[in-house]
Amino acid sequence: MNPSGDLDISDLATSTTDTAINEISNLKRKLEMFELILDSIHNGVIVTDPDGIVTHFNKPYGWFLEVDPEAQIGRHCTEVVENTRMHIVAKTGIPEINQAHHIKGQDMVVQRIPIKKDGRVIAVFGQVMFKHVRDVRMLAGRLSMLESQVALYEQELAKLRATRYTFESIVGVTNQIHALKKEALRAAATHLPVLITGESGTGKELFAQAIHNAGNRRLKPFVRINCATIPKDLLESELFGYEKGAFTGASSTGKLGKFELAHQGTILLDEIGDLPLEMQPKLLRVLEEKEFERIGGTLPIKSDFRLIAATNQDLGAMIAEGRFRKDLFYRLGVIPLHIPPLRERREDILPIAENILRQLAVDAALPEIAMDLQAGRILNQYDWPGNVRELSNVLERTVASLEGAVIFPRHLPFFLQRQIDALSDGPSSPIKQVQSKAEIEAICFALKQALGNKARAARLLGIHRTLLYKKMQKYGLDSKAAVSN
């Protein structure tokens, strides 16, 4: 402005000049930055216009081709790089990714990417990805090694998961067990629900884990929940989880439910017969929809799980009594598996016992433990109401107090030793006589073990001291004589 207030043309010109200078300075800084970026790219970079004329050429490419990068600007790409296709990509507009390119006597891997604006190619960006095909081979080798490591880690992860039983863990020689294993193996190839029934101790969880480990979910979680051990009012939160603050005492962070944890894996609902009646329709919906809501939540949660249920109860009888829903029973038992008790497959008792003894010896770093023929006969004659679990318990107790490497009848628990005389005398012996002999043997053995202490002997026999006195009087037994024999 001049003193009169009129616009001074010289001031306007100065202002315009300053703006232009600033813009040019900013533009120069941007160009310098772009050049630094291009020159910092490890492998060669070339940019051409739509006619194939070089507009950018970074220093690493110049070093590789042994040319001056600046001198290549303005030249046609075919004059700079042998066998180039930059000008062809400019015409076709089709990118060429990871293509072989023979330069200076060696095969390289390059990419040529058309740069478009308003649908028209305005430039082509070219870059050397690998200076030699051997680099690709090295990368492929590293990837292969990493894949092998991942496979190894997956195997280790599978060992660390909750499952440790496979079909090889299921021991048995009877046709029943062979047929059952085949049926379970077929079930493992599907994602259908499985219902495993059988008496307590028959190995229902063993079969469940074997099915999980034989299927394509074996690297995913195996989640077990016992419906009989969780209080009724906590079962729903255990199965479905809850949001933070859902109820008094709830965790401030909420909790994931078992179905959510079993995503892509397997969930075992053990003792399904003890599931409360009011929970059964909720479980049915989850099985049918594979969807549920946490307690206190409003959003549905999807879970891709495989369900295995197990029970030692007669669900058919429970349905008749109105204690189990028929529709849930049919949904659970798409593939039913029934494990027979040991007393119905006695030929499996000794193979299972021998397998347990091998495992016990390995776990305790002991030499191989053998079993006397008579001891084996005793095990084979017993009905084993607790099935494999009871057999395992008896052998663990026996091995714990065993001196030597052979189990004889005298090493077995008292309730099994009573069968010794029955086996030796044969079926013609009167039952009273057999029982009396067994009691005398057991009492004498207990007194000897207790060094004549009647109270301790009674504890070993599992009876009250008064009853021991009566039986000693009945059979005319003397504690001192029993110890000296």
Protein backbone atom coordinates (compact mmCIF):
# COMPACT_ATOMS: atom_id res chain seq x y z
CA MET A 1 0.00 0.00 0.00
CA ASN A 2 1.25 3.54 -0.79
CA PRO A 3 0.49 6.57 1.51
CA SER A 4 -2.67 7.31 -0.44
CA GLY A 5 -4.01 3.83 0.34
CA ASP A 6 -3.78 2.53 -3.23
CA LEU A 7 -2.48 -0.98 -3.97
CA ASP A 8 1.22 -0.98 -4.79
CA ILE A 9 1.97 -3.21 -7.77
CA SER A 10 5.53 -3.80 -6.56
CA ASP A 11 4.30 -5.16 -3.23
CA LEU A 12 1.98 -7.57 -5.02
CA ALA A 13 4.78 -8.73 -7.26
CA THR A 14 7.06 -9.29 -4.25
CA SER A 15 4.38 -11.32 -2.43
CA THR A 16 3.73 -13.46 -5.49
CA THR A 17 7.44 -14.07 -5.94
CA ASP A 18 7.86 -15.18 -2.31
CA THR A 19 4.97 -17.64 -2.62
CA ALA A 20 6.40 -19.07 -5.80
CA ILE A 21 9.83 -19.43 -4.23
CA ASN A 22 8.33 -21.27 -1.25
CA GLU A 23 6.38 -23.62 -3.50
CA ILE A 24 9.46 -24.32 -5.61
CA SER A 25 11.49 -24.97 -2.45
CA ASN A 26 8.84 -27.39 -1.16
CA LEU A 27 8.72 -29.12 -4.50
CA LYS A 28 12.51 -29.51 -4.54
CA ARG A 29 12.43 -31.04 -1.05
CA LYS A 30 9.77 -33.53 -2.16
CA LEU A 31 11.79 -34.46 -5.26
CA GLU A 32 14.90 -34.95 -3.15
CA MET A 33 12.91 -37.15 -0.79
CA PHE A 34 11.59 -39.27 -3.68
CA GLU A 35 15.12 -39.63 -5.05
CA LEU A 36 16.41 -40.69 -1.65
CA ILE A 37 13.62 -43.25 -1.36
CA LEU A 38 14.39 -44.69 -4.80
CA ASP A 39 18.12 -44.82 -4.11
CA SER A 40 17.51 -46.49 -0.75
CA ILE A 41 15.63 -49.40 -2.31
CA HIS A 42 18.12 -52.25 -2.13
CA ASN A 43 17.44 -53.68 -5.58
CA GLY A 44 17.26 -51.91 -8.94
CA VAL A 45 14.35 -49.59 -9.76
CA ILE A 46 13.44 -48.05 -13.13
CA VAL A 47 10.48 -45.85 -14.11
CA THR A 48 9.46 -45.03 -17.68
CA ASP A 49 6.81 -42.86 -19.28
CA PRO A 50 4.08 -44.33 -21.54
CA ASP A 51 6.50 -44.30 -24.47
CA GLY A 52 9.20 -46.25 -22.65
CA ILE A 53 11.43 -43.26 -21.97
CA VAL A 54 13.35 -43.55 -18.66
CA THR A 55 12.27 -40.94 -16.12
CA HIS A 56 13.79 -42.43 -12.95
CA PHE A 57 16.73 -44.79 -12.45
CA ASN A 58 18.07 -45.53 -8.96
CA LYS A 59 21.72 -45.86 -7.99
CA PRO A 60 21.64 -49.61 -6.99
CA TYR A 61 20.44 -50.44 -10.53
CA GLY A 62 23.21 -48.32 -11.96
CA TRP A 63 25.81 -50.08 -9.82
CA PHE A 64 24.49 -53.46 -10.88
CA LEU A 65 24.45 -52.61 -14.61
CA GLU A 66 27.68 -50.62 -14.25
CA VAL A 67 26.18 -47.46 -15.79
CA ASP A 68 25.72 -43.87 -14.66
CA PRO A 69 22.13 -43.63 -13.32
CA GLU A 70 21.72 -39.95 -14.28
CA ALA A 71 22.93 -40.58 -17.83
CA GLN A 72 20.06 -43.06 -18.43
CA ILE A 73 17.34 -40.46 -17.87
CA GLY A 74 15.71 -39.59 -21.21
CA ARG A 75 16.84 -42.73 -23.00
CA HIS A 76 14.50 -45.45 -24.23
CA CYS A 77 14.34 -48.40 -21.84
CA THR A 78 15.47 -50.85 -24.54
CA GLU A 79 18.74 -48.92 -24.82
CA VAL A 80 19.35 -49.19 -21.08
CA VAL A 81 18.18 -52.65 -20.00
CA GLU A 82 18.52 -55.72 -22.21
CA ASN A 83 15.41 -57.84 -22.85
CA THR A 84 13.25 -55.25 -21.11
CA ARG A 85 9.45 -55.28 -21.43
CA MET A 86 8.74 -51.97 -19.70
CA HIS A 87 7.52 -50.36 -22.94
CA ILE A 88 5.28 -53.38 -23.66
CA VAL A 89 3.64 -53.15 -20.24
CA ALA A 90 3.08 -49.44 -20.91
CA LYS A 91 1.08 -50.40 -24.04
CA THR A 92 -0.83 -53.39 -22.58
CA GLY A 93 -1.44 -51.94 -19.12
CA ILE A 94 -1.14 -55.49 -17.71
CA PRO A 95 1.21 -55.90 -14.71
CA GLU A 96 3.90 -58.57 -14.83
CA ILE A 97 4.70 -59.82 -11.32
CA ASN A 98 7.68 -62.02 -10.42
CA GLN A 99 8.75 -62.63 -14.00
CA ALA A 100 12.08 -64.13 -15.08
CA HIS A 101 14.42 -61.62 -16.79
CA HIS A 102 17.79 -62.55 -18.31
CA ILE A 103 20.28 -59.72 -17.71
CA LYS A 104 24.07 -59.81 -17.98
CA GLY A 105 24.16 -63.57 -18.36
CA GLN A 106 22.03 -64.41 -15.32
CA ASP A 107 18.36 -65.02 -14.65
CA MET A 108 16.71 -62.47 -12.42
CA VAL A 109 13.20 -62.04 -11.01
CA VAL A 110 11.51 -58.69 -11.72
CA GLN A 111 8.13 -57.02 -11.62
CA ARG A 112 6.70 -54.39 -13.99
CA ILE A 113 3.67 -52.46 -12.72
CA PRO A 114 1.70 -49.95 -14.87
CA ILE A 115 0.78 -46.74 -13.04
CA LYS A 116 -2.61 -45.45 -14.14
CA LYS A 117 -4.55 -42.22 -13.79
CA ASP A 118 -8.13 -41.85 -14.98
CA GLY A 119 -7.82 -45.29 -16.54
CA ARG A 120 -4.79 -44.35 -18.65
CA VAL A 121 -1.19 -45.55 -18.19
CA ILE A 122 0.99 -42.58 -17.29
CA ALA A 123 4.12 -44.50 -16.22
CA VAL A 124 5.55 -47.98 -15.57
CA PHE A 125 7.38 -48.94 -12.37
CA GLY A 126 9.95 -51.71 -12.68
CA GLN A 127 11.90 -53.37 -9.89
CA VAL A 128 14.40 -56.20 -9.55
CA MET A 129 13.03 -58.50 -6.84
CA PHE A 130 15.89 -61.03 -6.85
CA LYS A 131 19.20 -60.49 -8.58
CA HIS A 132 19.58 -64.21 -9.22
CA VAL A 133 17.21 -67.16 -9.33
CA ARG A 134 19.38 -68.83 -6.69
CA ASP A 135 18.12 -66.15 -4.29
CA VAL A 136 14.61 -67.44 -4.93
CA ARG A 137 15.81 -70.98 -4.28
CA MET A 138 17.42 -69.84 -1.03
CA LEU A 139 14.17 -68.17 0.02
CA ALA A 140 12.21 -71.28 -0.93
CA GLY A 141 14.63 -73.36 1.12
CA ARG A 142 14.17 -71.08 4.12
CA LEU A 143 10.39 -71.27 3.73
CA SER A 144 10.58 -75.05 3.55
CA MET A 145 12.67 -75.10 6.71
CA LEU A 146 10.19 -72.82 8.44
CA GLU A 147 7.31 -75.06 7.35
CA SER A 148 9.15 -78.05 8.83
CA GLN A 149 9.69 -76.14 12.05
CA VAL A 150 6.02 -75.19 12.19
CA ALA A 151 5.07 -78.86 11.67
CA LEU A 152 7.41 -79.81 14.52
CA TYR A 153 5.98 -77.12 16.77
CA GLU A 154 2.47 -78.32 15.95
CA GLN A 155 3.45 -81.85 16.99
CA GLU A 156 4.89 -80.53 20.25
CA LEU A 157 1.77 -78.42 20.77
CA ALA A 158 -0.38 -81.51 20.28
CA LYS A 159 1.60 -83.25 23.04
CA LEU A 160 1.14 -80.31 25.39
CA ARG A 161 -2.61 -80.15 24.89
CA ALA A 162 -5.04 -81.81 27.25
CA THR A 163 -5.20 -85.05 25.27
CA ARG A 164 -2.66 -87.81 25.69
CA TYR A 165 -4.55 -90.91 24.54
CA THR A 166 -4.78 -92.30 21.02
CA PHE A 167 -6.28 -95.48 19.62
CA GLU A 168 -2.93 -97.17 20.32
CA SER A 169 -3.62 -96.48 24.00
CA ILE A 170 -6.74 -98.67 23.91
CA VAL A 171 -5.63 -102.20 24.80
CA GLY A 172 -7.71 -105.30 24.14
CA VAL A 173 -7.77 -108.58 22.20
CA THR A 174 -11.49 -109.38 22.14
CA ASN A 175 -13.66 -109.00 19.05
CA GLN A 176 -15.78 -106.55 21.02
CA ILE A 177 -12.95 -104.09 21.58
CA HIS A 178 -11.63 -104.46 18.01
CA ALA A 179 -15.08 -103.70 16.57
CA LEU A 180 -15.51 -100.77 18.94
CA LYS A 181 -12.16 -99.24 17.92
CA LYS A 182 -13.08 -99.54 14.24
CA GLU A 183 -16.41 -97.83 14.88
CA ALA A 184 -14.74 -95.05 16.86
CA LEU A 185 -12.14 -94.57 14.13
CA ARG A 186 -14.92 -94.10 11.59
CA ALA A 187 -16.50 -91.56 13.94
CA ALA A 188 -13.20 -89.65 14.10
CA ALA A 189 -13.39 -89.00 10.36
CA THR A 190 -16.65 -87.04 10.82
CA HIS A 191 -17.73 -83.98 12.77
CA LEU A 192 -20.92 -85.61 14.07
CA PRO A 193 -21.80 -85.79 17.79
CA VAL A 194 -20.74 -88.98 19.57
CA LEU A 195 -22.40 -90.48 22.66
CA ILE A 196 -20.16 -92.86 24.62
CA THR A 197 -21.88 -95.05 27.20
CA GLY A 198 -20.50 -97.59 29.63
CA GLU A 199 -20.03 -98.32 33.31
CA SER A 200 -17.76 -96.19 35.44
CA GLY A 201 -14.09 -96.86 34.79
CA THR A 202 -14.47 -98.47 31.36
CA GLY A 203 -12.43 -95.77 29.60
CA LYS A 204 -14.99 -93.40 28.09
CA GLU A 205 -12.67 -90.39 28.20
CA LEU A 206 -9.89 -92.50 26.70
CA PHE A 207 -12.11 -93.18 23.67
CA ALA A 208 -13.13 -89.51 23.50
CA GLN A 209 -9.50 -88.36 23.41
CA ALA A 210 -8.62 -91.03 20.85
CA ILE A 211 -11.43 -89.82 18.56
CA HIS A 212 -10.23 -86.22 18.92
CA ASN A 213 -6.60 -87.12 18.22
CA ALA A 214 -7.50 -89.17 15.14
CA GLY A 215 -9.54 -86.35 13.54
CA ASN A 216 -8.55 -83.16 11.77
CA ARG A 217 -9.19 -81.14 14.96
CA ARG A 218 -6.31 -82.79 16.83
CA LEU A 219 -4.19 -79.61 16.87
CA LYS A 220 -7.06 -77.62 18.36
CA PRO A 221 -8.30 -77.63 21.97
CA PHE A 222 -9.82 -80.64 23.71
CA VAL A 223 -12.06 -79.19 26.43
CA ARG A 224 -13.56 -81.44 29.11
CA ILE A 225 -16.30 -80.57 31.56
CA ASN A 226 -17.85 -82.91 34.11
CA CYS A 227 -21.55 -82.09 34.43
CA ALA A 228 -21.78 -83.95 37.75
CA THR A 229 -19.11 -81.97 39.60
CA ILE A 230 -20.20 -78.41 38.84
CA PRO A 231 -22.96 -76.84 40.98
CA LYS A 232 -26.22 -76.34 39.12
CA ASP A 233 -26.15 -72.56 39.46
CA LEU A 234 -22.62 -72.33 38.01
CA LEU A 235 -23.00 -74.76 35.12
CA GLU A 236 -24.45 -72.25 32.65
CA SER A 237 -21.61 -69.78 33.21
CA GLU A 238 -19.08 -72.62 32.83
CA LEU A 239 -20.57 -73.71 29.52
CA PHE A 240 -21.37 -70.34 27.96
CA GLY A 241 -19.22 -67.85 29.89
CA TYR A 242 -20.31 -64.42 31.13
CA GLU A 243 -19.71 -60.73 30.53
CA LYS A 244 -18.04 -58.53 33.13
CA GLY A 245 -20.39 -57.55 35.93
CA ALA A 246 -23.02 -60.05 34.78
CA PHE A 247 -23.78 -61.07 38.36
CA THR A 248 -22.55 -60.58 41.90
CA GLY A 249 -19.09 -62.07 42.25
CA ALA A 250 -18.46 -62.16 38.50
CA SER A 251 -14.94 -61.40 37.32
CA SER A 252 -14.37 -57.79 36.30
CA THR A 253 -13.01 -59.02 32.95
CA GLY A 254 -15.71 -61.58 32.20
CA LYS A 255 -15.04 -65.21 31.41
CA LEU A 256 -14.96 -67.41 28.31
CA GLY A 257 -17.21 -70.46 28.41
CA LYS A 258 -16.17 -74.00 27.56
CA PHE A 259 -17.98 -73.91 24.20
CA GLU A 260 -16.09 -70.76 23.24
CA LEU A 261 -12.78 -72.31 24.31
CA ALA A 262 -13.53 -75.39 22.21
CA HIS A 263 -13.75 -73.38 18.95
CA GLN A 264 -12.40 -75.55 16.09
CA GLY A 265 -11.69 -78.29 18.63
CA THR A 266 -13.65 -80.84 20.66
CA ILE A 267 -15.71 -80.51 23.83
CA LEU A 268 -16.36 -83.55 26.03
CA LEU A 269 -19.45 -83.31 28.22
CA ASP A 270 -18.74 -86.04 30.75
CA GLU A 271 -21.55 -87.41 32.94
CA ILE A 272 -24.12 -85.87 30.58
CA GLY A 273 -26.85 -87.74 32.46
CA ASP A 274 -26.33 -85.36 35.40
CA LEU A 275 -27.09 -82.29 33.28
CA PRO A 276 -29.98 -80.43 34.99
CA LEU A 277 -33.27 -80.66 33.13
CA GLU A 278 -33.54 -76.86 32.78
CA MET A 279 -30.14 -76.76 31.05
CA GLN A 280 -30.98 -79.39 28.47
CA PRO A 281 -32.97 -77.19 26.04
CA LYS A 282 -30.17 -74.60 26.12
CA LEU A 283 -27.62 -77.28 25.25
CA LEU A 284 -29.89 -78.55 22.47
CA ARG A 285 -30.02 -75.08 20.91
CA VAL A 286 -26.23 -74.74 21.03
CA LEU A 287 -25.82 -78.11 19.34
CA GLU A 288 -28.25 -77.21 16.58
CA GLU A 289 -27.22 -73.59 15.99
CA LYS A 290 -23.54 -73.68 17.06
CA GLU A 291 -24.38 -70.31 18.59
CA PHE A 292 -24.93 -69.01 22.13
CA GLU A 293 -24.80 -65.89 24.28
CA ARG A 294 -22.73 -65.29 27.37
CA ILE A 295 -24.58 -64.58 30.60
CA GLY A 296 -25.19 -60.83 30.66
CA GLY A 297 -24.32 -60.56 26.97
CA THR A 298 -26.46 -59.49 24.02
CA LEU A 299 -24.36 -60.55 21.04
CA PRO A 300 -24.49 -64.12 19.71
CA ILE A 301 -21.18 -66.00 19.68
CA LYS A 302 -20.41 -68.60 17.03
CA SER A 303 -18.29 -71.63 17.88
CA ASP A 304 -17.24 -74.43 15.55
CA PHE A 305 -16.90 -77.33 17.98
CA ARG A 306 -17.19 -81.09 17.81
CA LEU A 307 -19.27 -82.57 20.67
CA ILE A 308 -18.61 -85.86 22.45
CA ALA A 309 -20.84 -86.80 25.38
CA ALA A 310 -20.29 -89.60 27.87
CA THR A 311 -22.38 -91.19 30.60
CA ASN A 312 -22.60 -94.29 32.79
CA GLN A 313 -26.36 -93.85 33.20
CA ASP A 314 -29.22 -95.41 31.25
CA LEU A 315 -30.50 -92.38 29.33
CA GLY A 316 -33.38 -94.43 27.92
CA ALA A 317 -34.69 -95.08 31.43
CA MET A 318 -34.15 -91.43 32.34
CA ILE A 319 -36.25 -90.37 29.32
CA ALA A 320 -39.06 -92.66 30.48
CA GLU A 321 -38.86 -91.06 33.93
CA GLY A 322 -38.93 -87.55 32.46
CA ARG A 323 -35.39 -86.73 33.65
CA PHE A 324 -33.81 -86.45 30.20
CA ARG A 325 -35.12 -84.90 27.00
CA LYS A 326 -35.74 -87.29 24.13
CA ASP A 327 -34.83 -84.69 21.46
CA LEU A 328 -31.50 -83.99 23.18
CA PHE A 329 -30.80 -87.72 23.41
CA TYR A 330 -31.28 -88.14 19.66
CA ARG A 331 -29.12 -85.08 18.97
CA LEU A 332 -26.31 -86.38 21.16
CA GLY A 333 -26.37 -89.96 19.98
CA VAL A 334 -25.86 -89.51 16.25
CA ILE A 335 -22.93 -91.92 16.63
CA PRO A 336 -23.47 -94.14 19.72
CA LEU A 337 -20.55 -96.10 21.20
CA HIS A 338 -21.03 -98.54 24.09
CA ILE A 339 -17.99 -99.81 26.00
CA PRO A 340 -18.68 -103.22 27.62
CA PRO A 341 -17.45 -103.83 31.20
CA LEU A 342 -14.40 -106.00 31.90
CA ARG A 343 -16.48 -108.89 33.23
CA GLU A 344 -18.02 -109.24 29.74
CA ARG A 345 -14.60 -109.37 28.03
CA ARG A 346 -12.35 -111.22 30.46
CA GLU A 347 -9.78 -111.96 27.75
CA ASP A 348 -8.88 -108.24 27.88
CA ILE A 349 -8.13 -108.18 31.62
CA LEU A 350 -4.58 -109.58 31.51
CA PRO A 351 -3.45 -107.59 28.41
CA ILE A 352 -4.73 -104.41 30.08
CA ALA A 353 -3.01 -105.37 33.37
CA GLU A 354 0.29 -106.02 31.57
CA ASN A 355 0.02 -102.67 29.79
CA ILE A 356 -0.62 -100.87 33.09
CA LEU A 357 2.39 -102.59 34.66
CA ARG A 358 4.61 -101.49 31.75
CA GLN A 359 3.47 -97.90 32.19
CA LEU A 360 4.01 -98.04 35.96
CA ALA A 361 7.53 -99.40 35.47
CA VAL A 362 8.39 -96.65 33.00
CA ASP A 363 6.91 -93.89 35.17
CA ALA A 364 8.78 -95.09 38.26
CA ALA A 365 12.01 -95.94 36.38
CA LEU A 366 11.69 -99.56 37.54
CA PRO A 367 12.73 -102.75 35.75
CA GLU A 368 10.02 -104.69 33.94
CA ILE A 369 7.37 -106.04 36.31
CA ALA A 370 6.11 -109.56 35.66
CA MET A 371 3.04 -111.35 36.99
CA ASP A 372 2.88 -114.87 38.40
CA LEU A 373 0.49 -117.23 36.59
CA GLN A 374 -1.65 -117.77 39.68
CA ALA A 375 -1.83 -114.01 40.32
CA GLY A 376 -2.98 -113.56 36.74
CA ARG A 377 -5.69 -116.18 37.23
CA ILE A 378 -6.93 -114.32 40.29
CA LEU A 379 -7.17 -111.05 38.37
CA ASN A 380 -8.96 -112.81 35.54
CA GLN A 381 -11.58 -114.38 37.84
CA TYR A 382 -12.52 -111.15 39.61
CA ASP A 383 -15.55 -109.24 38.23
CA TRP A 384 -13.96 -105.77 38.53
CA PRO A 385 -17.05 -103.66 39.26
CA GLY A 386 -14.84 -100.57 38.92
CA ASN A 387 -13.51 -101.87 35.58
CA VAL A 388 -10.17 -100.56 34.25
CA ARG A 389 -10.01 -97.79 36.84
CA GLU A 390 -10.24 -100.33 39.68
CA LEU A 391 -7.73 -102.65 37.99
CA SER A 392 -5.28 -99.78 37.61
CA ASN A 393 -5.77 -98.77 41.26
CA VAL A 394 -5.09 -102.33 42.49
CA LEU A 395 -1.93 -102.66 40.42
CA GLU A 396 -0.62 -99.25 41.53
CA ARG A 397 -1.09 -100.23 45.17
CA THR A 398 0.54 -103.60 44.55
CA VAL A 399 3.59 -102.16 42.78
CA ALA A 400 4.02 -99.49 45.47
CA SER A 401 4.63 -102.18 48.13
CA LEU A 402 6.27 -104.76 45.85
CA GLU A 403 9.73 -106.09 46.70
CA GLY A 404 11.17 -107.72 43.62
CA ALA A 405 10.03 -107.74 40.02
CA VAL A 406 7.30 -110.43 40.10
CA ILE A 407 3.77 -110.11 41.46
CA PHE A 408 2.66 -113.23 43.34
CA PRO A 409 -0.81 -113.85 44.83
CA ARG A 410 0.44 -112.82 48.29
CA HIS A 411 1.20 -109.34 46.95
CA LEU A 412 -2.39 -108.73 45.88
CA PRO A 413 -4.95 -107.00 48.17
CA PHE A 414 -6.76 -109.17 50.74
CA PHE A 415 -10.10 -109.10 48.94
CA LEU A 416 -8.43 -110.72 45.93
CA GLN A 417 -6.40 -113.21 47.96
CA ARG A 418 -9.65 -114.79 49.15
CA GLN A 419 -9.98 -116.28 45.70
CA ILE A 420 -6.74 -118.28 46.01
CA ASP A 421 -8.30 -121.21 47.84
CA ALA A 422 -11.39 -121.07 45.67
CA LEU A 423 -9.20 -121.44 42.61
CA SER A 424 -7.08 -124.23 44.09
CA ASP A 425 -9.92 -126.27 45.69
CA GLY A 426 -12.16 -126.08 42.66
CA PRO A 427 -15.90 -125.58 42.36
CA SER A 428 -16.72 -128.64 44.50
CA SER A 429 -15.52 -126.96 47.77
CA PRO A 430 -18.35 -125.86 50.05
CA ILE A 431 -18.62 -122.08 50.07
CA LYS A 432 -18.42 -121.88 53.88
CA GLN A 433 -15.17 -123.84 53.89
CA VAL A 434 -13.68 -121.66 51.18
CA GLN A 435 -14.71 -118.50 53.02
CA SER A 436 -13.27 -119.73 56.31
CA LYS A 437 -9.93 -120.63 54.75
CA ALA A 438 -9.71 -117.27 53.05
CA GLU A 439 -10.47 -115.40 56.29
CA ILE A 440 -7.91 -117.40 58.27
CA GLU A 441 -5.24 -116.74 55.64
CA ALA A 442 -6.05 -113.04 55.54
CA ILE A 443 -6.08 -112.64 59.35
CA CYS A 444 -2.79 -114.50 59.78
CA PHE A 445 -1.15 -112.48 57.04
CA ALA A 446 -2.39 -109.21 58.56
CA LEU A 447 -1.19 -110.15 62.06
CA LYS A 448 2.20 -111.07 60.68
CA GLN A 449 2.44 -107.78 58.79
CA ALA A 450 1.39 -105.91 61.97
CA LEU A 451 3.86 -107.87 64.16
CA GLY A 452 0.97 -109.10 66.30
CA ASN A 453 -0.60 -105.67 66.82
CA LYS A 454 -4.35 -106.43 66.58
CA ALA A 455 -5.46 -102.82 66.11
CA ARG A 456 -3.05 -102.35 63.22
CA ALA A 457 -4.01 -105.73 61.76
CA ALA A 458 -7.68 -104.72 61.87
CA ARG A 459 -6.86 -101.54 59.96
CA LEU A 460 -4.99 -103.57 57.33
CA LEU A 461 -8.01 -105.84 56.96
CA GLY A 462 -10.38 -102.88 56.79
CA ILE A 463 -12.53 -104.14 59.68
CA HIS A 464 -13.22 -103.01 63.25
CA ARG A 465 -10.92 -104.32 65.97
CA THR A 466 -13.88 -105.96 67.80
CA LEU A 467 -14.75 -107.97 64.70
CA LEU A 468 -11.14 -109.12 64.41
CA TYR A 469 -11.23 -110.38 68.02
CA LYS A 470 -14.43 -112.34 67.32
CA LYS A 471 -13.01 -113.96 64.20
CA MET A 472 -9.73 -114.88 65.96
CA GLN A 473 -11.76 -116.45 68.75
CA LYS A 474 -13.95 -118.25 66.20
CA TYR A 475 -10.98 -119.79 64.41
CA GLY A 476 -8.84 -120.28 67.51
CA LEU A 477 -6.10 -118.01 66.26
CA ASP A 478 -3.32 -116.62 68.43
CA SER A 479 -1.52 -113.44 67.45
CA LYS A 480 1.90 -114.71 68.62
CA ALA A 481 1.48 -117.98 66.74
CA ALA A 482 0.44 -116.10 63.60
CA VAL A 483 3.57 -113.93 63.77
CA SER A 484 5.91 -116.90 64.34
CA ASN A 485 4.47 -118.94 61.44
